[in-house]
């Protein structure tokens, strides 16, 4: 369990060692709690009450910093088999799209529901619950009650799930935390580039596509055409760097391959929702009608429009760089009430890029409610 209290985060090992020092062994493990409080085939209300009281007593005595942490902007991260199984069960119960539990936000209400379900079942019945591994069925109730009690005592609305464990915490805190400057200035950016590198990406191409897409995005934001949310910019940048990784599978339909590689590889620092949005942008960088599709169930308000905006800009940027020679050096946007004029700086006027970008006018108008006009001029020579 890791706890982030707004001003900074604790490494997994720091929290674990702090808890261990505070109580000797901090015995709230699922096995120990099951053996001590839930030895029968079915748990009674009295047994569950005693388990909750014990967990609260242990926390209040040995980890008082947990109490109310969520009301002060605290954020909690969970590790381990119980947490992963709860997340998988919650995804399935909520009919949410699933591509792993890394970054999944396990809502407190969902934990309450699962505890209620598990408490009415025998271990044999819990083995049949989708998302719960059969070998954990006899322990999942006690483990979920511990998680539930922590969430309520800390007033946390949700727990962020990670597939990492204590050994990763030891690695990160030992080899990364002391570095000055840090090995990774930006975990998200490093994770995106690492994934791209795994699939022999043409970085000169994707970095230029990202540059052009972000230039257009920023120009439209300055003109008030869209809100200019920094999160949206970050997602667009990630999608631009990853849009071609599917070529490693096959060029045909590589946009679809890119999406499932992104979703199944996972992206450190991004939530499941954010990873899905990046995957959808990559999916629609070539063709098709952008939308949330099956990921609407985990989307936030406004995400449909975000997908269309970013997919449109990524597609235009890809067309501007279709020759892969950086012929279009810069892309500038001028907006009026009904038209956006895209001005291209290039050495030769870039007739192919201009023609290709104009072909995306329909999607651009759907995204921004304005007609797209493309003009080109020789790049300015400095010096």
Protein backbone atom coordinates (compact mmCIF):
# COMPACT_ATOMS: atom_id res chain seq x y z
CA UNK A 1 0.00 0.00 0.00
CA UNK A 2 1.32 3.43 -0.89
CA UNK A 3 -0.06 6.71 0.31
CA UNK A 4 0.29 10.05 -1.45
CA UNK A 5 -0.64 13.03 0.71
CA UNK A 6 -0.77 15.73 -1.89
CA UNK A 7 2.64 17.32 -1.32
CA UNK A 8 4.55 14.22 -2.35
CA UNK A 9 4.36 10.47 -2.51
CA UNK A 10 5.86 7.70 -0.43
CA UNK A 11 7.58 4.83 -2.16
CA UNK A 12 5.95 1.44 -1.61
CA UNK A 13 8.87 0.18 0.45
CA UNK A 14 8.94 3.28 2.63
CA UNK A 15 5.31 2.77 3.60
CA UNK A 16 5.76 -0.96 4.14
CA UNK A 17 8.82 -0.49 6.35
CA UNK A 18 7.12 2.30 8.29
CA UNK A 19 4.16 0.05 9.01
CA UNK A 20 6.44 -2.82 9.96
CA UNK A 21 8.43 -0.64 12.37
CA UNK A 22 5.25 0.66 13.93
CA UNK A 23 3.75 -2.72 14.77
CA UNK A 24 6.41 -5.35 14.48
CA UNK A 25 4.75 -7.28 11.65
CA UNK A 26 1.58 -5.26 11.01
CA UNK A 27 -0.40 -8.48 10.78
CA UNK A 28 -3.33 -7.51 8.54
CA UNK A 29 -2.56 -10.00 5.79
CA UNK A 30 -5.42 -11.91 4.22
CA UNK A 31 -4.19 -15.30 5.44
CA UNK A 32 -3.76 -14.19 9.04
CA UNK A 33 -7.10 -12.34 9.13
CA UNK A 34 -8.91 -15.31 7.63
CA UNK A 35 -7.43 -17.76 10.11
CA UNK A 36 -8.08 -15.52 13.08
CA UNK A 37 -11.50 -14.04 12.31
CA UNK A 38 -13.16 -15.99 9.48
CA UNK A 39 -12.39 -19.68 10.06
CA UNK A 40 -15.89 -20.93 9.20
CA UNK A 41 -17.26 -21.83 5.76
CA UNK A 42 -19.53 -18.80 5.92
CA UNK A 43 -18.73 -15.59 7.76
CA UNK A 44 -21.16 -14.33 10.36
CA UNK A 45 -21.99 -10.68 10.92
CA UNK A 46 -20.37 -10.96 14.35
CA UNK A 47 -17.11 -12.23 12.83
CA UNK A 48 -17.04 -9.46 10.21
CA UNK A 49 -17.70 -6.86 12.88
CA UNK A 50 -14.83 -8.17 14.96
CA UNK A 51 -12.50 -8.14 11.93
CA UNK A 52 -13.38 -4.53 11.07
CA UNK A 53 -12.87 -3.45 14.68
CA UNK A 54 -9.46 -5.13 14.75
CA UNK A 55 -8.36 -3.48 11.50
CA UNK A 56 -9.43 -0.04 12.73
CA UNK A 57 -7.67 -0.59 16.05
CA UNK A 58 -4.43 -1.61 14.33
CA UNK A 59 -4.56 1.34 11.95
CA UNK A 60 -5.41 3.91 14.62
CA UNK A 61 -2.59 2.66 16.84
CA UNK A 62 0.18 1.98 14.35
CA UNK A 63 -0.72 4.07 11.30
CA UNK A 64 -2.62 7.13 12.58
CA UNK A 65 -1.66 9.07 9.43
CA UNK A 66 -4.22 7.00 7.49
CA UNK A 67 -7.25 8.42 9.31
CA UNK A 68 -8.96 11.12 7.26
CA UNK A 69 -6.08 11.36 4.78
CA UNK A 70 -8.50 11.34 1.85
CA UNK A 71 -10.24 14.49 3.07
CA UNK A 72 -6.95 16.40 2.75
CA UNK A 73 -6.31 15.46 -0.87
CA UNK A 74 -4.63 12.18 -0.06
CA UNK A 75 -4.48 9.44 -2.67
CA UNK A 76 -3.99 5.77 -1.93
CA UNK A 77 -2.50 3.06 -4.11
CA UNK A 78 -3.01 -0.64 -3.55
CA UNK A 79 -0.76 -3.57 -4.39
CA UNK A 80 -1.04 -7.32 -4.01
CA UNK A 81 -3.29 -10.18 -5.03
CA UNK A 82 -6.34 -9.09 -3.05
CA UNK A 83 -6.32 -5.66 -4.66
CA UNK A 84 -5.82 -7.05 -8.18
CA UNK A 85 -8.62 -9.58 -7.74
CA UNK A 86 -10.99 -6.94 -6.36
CA UNK A 87 -10.25 -4.67 -9.31
CA UNK A 88 -10.81 -7.45 -11.85
CA UNK A 89 -14.08 -8.45 -10.17
CA UNK A 90 -15.26 -4.81 -10.07
CA UNK A 91 -14.47 -4.33 -13.77
CA UNK A 92 -16.48 -7.41 -14.71
CA UNK A 93 -19.35 -6.65 -12.34
CA UNK A 94 -19.58 -3.12 -13.73
CA UNK A 95 -19.36 -4.41 -17.31
CA UNK A 96 -16.38 -2.20 -17.88
CA UNK A 97 -13.86 -2.82 -20.68
CA UNK A 98 -10.86 -4.62 -19.28
CA UNK A 99 -7.27 -4.66 -20.49
CA UNK A 100 -5.59 -5.31 -17.14
CA UNK A 101 -5.97 -3.52 -13.83
CA UNK A 102 -2.88 -1.29 -13.92
CA UNK A 103 -4.06 2.26 -13.14
CA UNK A 104 -7.66 1.16 -12.47
CA UNK A 105 -9.44 3.27 -9.87
CA UNK A 106 -11.30 0.90 -7.56
CA UNK A 107 -14.20 2.91 -6.16
CA UNK A 108 -15.06 2.57 -2.50
CA UNK A 109 -18.71 1.85 -3.37
CA UNK A 110 -17.58 -1.02 -5.60
CA UNK A 111 -15.53 -2.48 -2.72
CA UNK A 112 -18.58 -2.19 -0.43
CA UNK A 113 -20.67 -4.10 -2.96
CA UNK A 114 -18.09 -6.84 -3.35
CA UNK A 115 -17.69 -7.25 0.41
CA UNK A 116 -21.46 -7.55 0.71
CA UNK A 117 -21.53 -10.23 -2.01
CA UNK A 118 -18.57 -12.18 -0.65
CA UNK A 119 -19.91 -12.18 2.91
CA UNK A 120 -23.01 -14.09 1.79
CA UNK A 121 -20.98 -16.78 -0.03
CA UNK A 122 -18.94 -19.77 0.95
CA UNK A 123 -15.38 -20.07 -0.34
CA UNK A 124 -16.63 -22.58 -2.94
CA UNK A 125 -19.16 -20.04 -4.19
CA UNK A 126 -16.57 -17.25 -4.29
CA UNK A 127 -14.42 -19.40 -6.57
CA UNK A 128 -17.06 -18.91 -9.25
CA UNK A 129 -17.04 -15.10 -9.04
CA UNK A 130 -15.57 -13.72 -12.31
CA UNK A 131 -12.32 -11.92 -11.65
CA UNK A 132 -11.50 -13.83 -8.44
CA UNK A 133 -8.83 -16.49 -8.85
CA UNK A 134 -9.98 -19.84 -7.40
CA UNK A 135 -6.90 -20.16 -5.19
CA UNK A 136 -7.73 -16.82 -3.54
CA UNK A 137 -11.42 -17.50 -2.94
CA UNK A 138 -10.97 -18.51 0.69
CA UNK A 139 -8.92 -15.37 1.47
CA UNK A 140 -10.65 -12.69 -0.62
CA UNK A 141 -13.31 -11.82 1.95
CA UNK A 142 -10.88 -11.02 4.76
CA UNK A 143 -8.57 -9.14 2.37
CA UNK A 144 -11.44 -7.11 0.95
CA UNK A 145 -12.67 -6.18 4.44
CA UNK A 146 -9.19 -4.85 5.26
CA UNK A 147 -9.20 -2.77 2.04
CA UNK A 148 -12.74 -1.57 2.75
CA UNK A 149 -11.87 -0.50 6.29
CA UNK A 150 -8.80 1.41 5.13
CA UNK A 151 -10.84 3.26 2.50
CA UNK A 152 -13.53 4.23 5.01
CA UNK A 153 -11.15 5.17 7.81
CA UNK A 154 -9.05 7.26 5.45
CA UNK A 155 -12.13 8.77 3.72
CA UNK A 156 -10.73 7.71 0.35
CA UNK A 157 -13.22 7.67 -2.51
CA UNK A 158 -11.16 5.17 -4.48
CA UNK A 159 -7.98 3.17 -4.49
CA UNK A 160 -5.62 3.25 -7.48
CA UNK A 161 -4.56 -0.25 -8.44
CA UNK A 162 -1.08 -1.21 -9.56
CA UNK A 163 0.17 -4.53 -10.83
CA UNK A 164 3.55 -3.77 -9.26
CA UNK A 165 4.53 -5.33 -5.95
CA UNK A 166 6.95 -4.75 -3.09
CA UNK A 167 9.89 -6.01 -5.13
CA UNK A 168 9.23 -3.26 -7.69
CA UNK A 169 9.00 -0.81 -4.78
CA UNK A 170 12.39 -1.98 -3.53
CA UNK A 171 13.85 -1.57 -7.02
CA UNK A 172 12.39 1.89 -7.57
CA UNK A 173 13.24 3.30 -4.16
CA UNK A 174 16.75 1.82 -4.15
CA UNK A 175 17.84 2.61 -7.70
CA UNK A 176 15.68 5.56 -8.72
CA UNK A 177 14.75 7.65 -5.69
CA UNK A 178 18.30 8.75 -4.71
CA UNK A 179 19.19 9.89 -8.26
CA UNK A 180 19.92 13.59 -8.70
CA UNK A 181 18.92 14.46 -11.32
CA UNK A 182 16.32 11.67 -11.38
CA UNK A 183 16.68 8.95 -13.98
CA UNK A 184 13.21 9.80 -15.29
CA UNK A 185 12.17 13.44 -15.31
CA UNK A 186 8.71 12.41 -16.51
CA UNK A 187 7.51 8.83 -15.92
CA UNK A 188 4.70 9.14 -18.46
CA UNK A 189 6.92 10.42 -21.24
CA UNK A 190 9.58 7.81 -20.48
CA UNK A 191 6.96 5.05 -20.55
CA UNK A 192 5.58 6.20 -23.90
CA UNK A 193 9.01 6.38 -25.50
CA UNK A 194 9.99 3.03 -24.04
CA UNK A 195 6.90 1.38 -25.55
CA UNK A 196 7.57 3.04 -28.91
CA UNK A 197 11.18 1.85 -28.84
CA UNK A 198 10.10 -1.74 -28.27
CA UNK A 199 8.46 -1.76 -31.72
CA UNK A 200 11.35 -0.24 -33.71
CA UNK A 201 9.52 3.05 -34.17
CA UNK A 202 10.71 5.60 -36.73
CA UNK A 203 11.23 8.33 -34.13
CA UNK A 204 12.08 11.01 -36.67
CA UNK A 205 8.65 10.50 -38.22
CA UNK A 206 6.49 10.18 -35.09
CA UNK A 207 8.24 13.05 -33.30
CA UNK A 208 7.56 15.31 -36.27
CA UNK A 209 3.94 14.17 -36.41
CA UNK A 210 3.69 14.96 -32.68
CA UNK A 211 5.27 18.39 -33.21
CA UNK A 212 2.84 19.31 -36.00
CA UNK A 213 -0.20 17.97 -34.14
CA UNK A 214 0.71 19.92 -31.00
CA UNK A 215 1.40 23.10 -32.99
CA UNK A 216 -2.10 22.90 -34.45
CA UNK A 217 -3.63 22.00 -31.07
CA UNK A 218 -1.94 24.97 -29.40
CA UNK A 219 -2.89 27.35 -32.19
CA UNK A 220 -6.54 26.36 -31.93
CA UNK A 221 -6.43 26.67 -28.14
CA UNK A 222 -4.99 30.19 -28.39
CA UNK A 223 -7.78 31.07 -30.82
CA UNK A 224 -10.38 29.81 -28.33
CA UNK A 225 -11.56 26.99 -30.59
CA UNK A 226 -11.15 24.39 -27.81
CA UNK A 227 -10.50 24.57 -24.05
CA UNK A 228 -6.76 23.86 -24.18
CA UNK A 229 -6.73 21.36 -21.29
CA UNK A 230 -3.11 20.32 -20.52
CA UNK A 231 -4.25 16.72 -19.96
CA UNK A 232 -5.61 16.63 -23.51
CA UNK A 233 -2.31 17.91 -24.86
CA UNK A 234 -0.43 15.19 -23.00
CA UNK A 235 -2.72 12.46 -24.34
CA UNK A 236 -2.39 13.76 -27.90
CA UNK A 237 1.39 13.81 -27.60
CA UNK A 238 1.45 10.21 -26.36
CA UNK A 239 -0.86 9.03 -29.13
CA UNK A 240 1.27 10.76 -31.77
CA UNK A 241 4.43 9.03 -30.54
CA UNK A 242 2.70 5.63 -30.45
CA UNK A 243 0.41 5.79 -33.48
CA UNK A 244 2.62 3.62 -35.70
CA UNK A 245 3.72 0.85 -33.33
CA UNK A 246 1.20 -1.49 -34.95
CA UNK A 247 3.38 -1.61 -38.07
CA UNK A 248 5.50 -4.12 -36.14
CA UNK A 249 2.58 -6.54 -36.48
CA UNK A 250 1.55 -5.70 -40.04
CA UNK A 251 1.18 -2.53 -42.08
CA UNK A 252 -2.38 -3.38 -43.10
CA UNK A 253 -4.68 -2.23 -40.32
CA UNK A 254 -1.66 -1.11 -38.31
CA UNK A 255 -3.83 1.57 -36.67
CA UNK A 256 -5.89 -1.24 -35.09
CA UNK A 257 -2.77 -3.13 -34.07
CA UNK A 258 -1.42 0.04 -32.47
CA UNK A 259 -4.48 0.29 -30.27
CA UNK A 260 -4.32 -3.21 -28.84
CA UNK A 261 -0.57 -2.99 -28.31
CA UNK A 262 -1.07 0.23 -26.33
CA UNK A 263 -3.93 -1.21 -24.28
CA UNK A 264 -2.25 -4.51 -23.49
CA UNK A 265 1.22 -3.12 -22.79
CA UNK A 266 -0.05 -0.51 -20.36
CA UNK A 267 1.43 2.94 -19.84
CA UNK A 268 3.02 3.82 -16.47
CA UNK A 269 1.52 6.95 -14.96
CA UNK A 270 -1.70 6.79 -16.97
CA UNK A 271 -5.07 5.59 -15.69
CA UNK A 272 -7.09 2.96 -17.56
CA UNK A 273 -9.29 5.74 -18.95
CA UNK A 274 -6.32 7.76 -20.19
CA UNK A 275 -4.70 4.68 -21.74
CA UNK A 276 -7.96 3.88 -23.53
CA UNK A 277 -8.15 7.44 -24.90
CA UNK A 278 -4.58 7.23 -26.21
CA UNK A 279 -5.38 3.88 -27.80
CA UNK A 280 -8.49 5.28 -29.50
CA UNK A 281 -6.58 8.24 -30.93
CA UNK A 282 -3.99 5.88 -32.39
CA UNK A 283 -6.78 3.69 -33.73
CA UNK A 284 -8.27 6.54 -35.75
CA UNK A 285 -5.10 8.20 -37.02
CA UNK A 286 -5.65 6.75 -40.52
CA UNK A 287 -9.33 6.27 -41.16
CA UNK A 288 -12.70 5.54 -39.62
CA UNK A 289 -15.11 7.64 -37.60
CA UNK A 290 -13.47 8.46 -34.23
CA UNK A 291 -15.39 7.79 -31.06
CA UNK A 292 -15.19 6.15 -27.65
CA UNK A 293 -16.76 2.87 -28.73
CA UNK A 294 -16.67 0.23 -26.01
CA UNK A 295 -14.65 2.54 -23.77
CA UNK A 296 -17.55 4.90 -23.20
CA UNK A 297 -18.23 3.05 -19.94
CA UNK A 298 -15.01 4.39 -18.36
CA UNK A 299 -15.02 7.81 -20.01
CA UNK A 300 -15.58 11.22 -18.44
CA UNK A 301 -17.93 13.89 -19.68
CA UNK A 302 -16.45 15.51 -22.78
CA UNK A 303 -14.21 12.58 -23.71
CA UNK A 304 -16.12 11.84 -26.91
CA UNK A 305 -15.41 15.35 -28.20
CA UNK A 306 -11.81 15.07 -27.01
CA UNK A 307 -11.30 11.88 -29.03
CA UNK A 308 -12.71 13.48 -32.17
CA UNK A 309 -10.58 16.63 -31.76
CA UNK A 310 -7.33 14.82 -31.13
CA UNK A 311 -7.95 12.16 -33.77
CA UNK A 312 -8.65 14.88 -36.34
CA UNK A 313 -5.42 16.74 -35.53
CA UNK A 314 -3.37 13.54 -35.43
CA UNK A 315 -4.77 12.51 -38.81
CA UNK A 316 -4.04 15.90 -40.38
CA UNK A 317 -0.51 15.85 -38.91
CA UNK A 318 0.04 12.36 -40.29
CA UNK A 319 -1.03 13.55 -43.74
CA UNK A 320 1.31 16.52 -43.56
CA UNK A 321 4.17 14.11 -42.87
CA UNK A 322 3.03 11.32 -45.20
CA UNK A 323 6.20 11.70 -47.31
CA UNK A 324 8.31 11.18 -44.14
CA UNK A 325 10.78 13.85 -45.16
CA UNK A 326 9.72 16.68 -42.82
CA UNK A 327 8.83 18.74 -45.92
CA UNK A 328 6.25 20.62 -43.82
CA UNK A 329 8.34 22.28 -41.15
CA UNK A 330 5.62 24.10 -39.25
CA UNK A 331 1.83 24.28 -39.16
CA UNK A 332 0.04 27.47 -38.04
CA UNK A 333 -3.64 27.98 -37.36
CA UNK A 334 -5.79 31.11 -37.89
CA UNK A 335 -9.44 30.84 -36.91
CA UNK A 336 -12.59 32.79 -37.73
CA UNK A 337 -16.16 32.02 -36.73
CA UNK A 338 -16.65 29.54 -39.57
CA UNK A 339 -13.18 28.75 -40.94
CA UNK A 340 -9.77 27.60 -39.78
CA UNK A 341 -6.90 28.44 -42.07
CA UNK A 342 -3.95 26.05 -41.82
CA UNK A 343 -0.75 27.71 -43.00
CA UNK A 344 2.08 25.37 -43.85
CA UNK A 345 5.74 26.35 -43.88
CA UNK A 346 7.70 24.22 -46.32
CA UNK A 347 10.57 24.42 -48.75
CA UNK A 348 8.58 23.74 -51.91
CA UNK A 349 5.01 24.58 -50.93
CA UNK A 350 4.34 20.91 -50.10
CA UNK A 351 1.60 20.28 -52.69
CA UNK A 352 1.21 16.62 -51.68
CA UNK A 353 0.88 17.46 -48.00
CA UNK A 354 -1.58 20.24 -48.73
CA UNK A 355 -3.74 17.95 -50.87
CA UNK A 356 -3.63 15.17 -48.24
CA UNK A 357 -4.57 17.52 -45.41
CA UNK A 358 -7.50 18.94 -47.36
CA UNK A 359 -8.91 15.43 -47.65
CA UNK A 360 -9.45 15.42 -43.88
CA UNK A 361 -11.67 18.51 -44.00
CA UNK A 362 -14.82 16.56 -43.15
CA UNK A 363 -13.45 15.11 -39.93
CA UNK A 364 -11.89 18.48 -39.02
CA UNK A 365 -15.23 20.24 -39.42
CA UNK A 366 -16.93 17.59 -37.30
CA UNK A 367 -14.32 18.09 -34.58
CA UNK A 368 -14.17 21.90 -34.51
CA UNK A 369 -17.33 23.10 -36.23
CA UNK A 370 -15.30 25.07 -38.77
CA UNK A 371 -14.29 24.53 -42.36
CA UNK A 372 -10.61 23.77 -42.96
CA UNK A 373 -8.62 25.72 -45.52
CA UNK A 374 -5.00 24.77 -46.23
CA UNK A 375 -2.44 27.20 -47.60
CA UNK A 376 1.30 26.77 -48.01
CA UNK A 377 4.24 29.10 -48.40
CA UNK A 378 8.02 28.69 -48.45
CA UNK A 379 9.52 28.46 -44.99
CA UNK A 380 11.21 31.56 -43.68
CA UNK A 381 14.98 31.47 -43.88
CA UNK A 382 16.62 32.66 -40.67
CA UNK A 383 20.07 34.15 -40.42
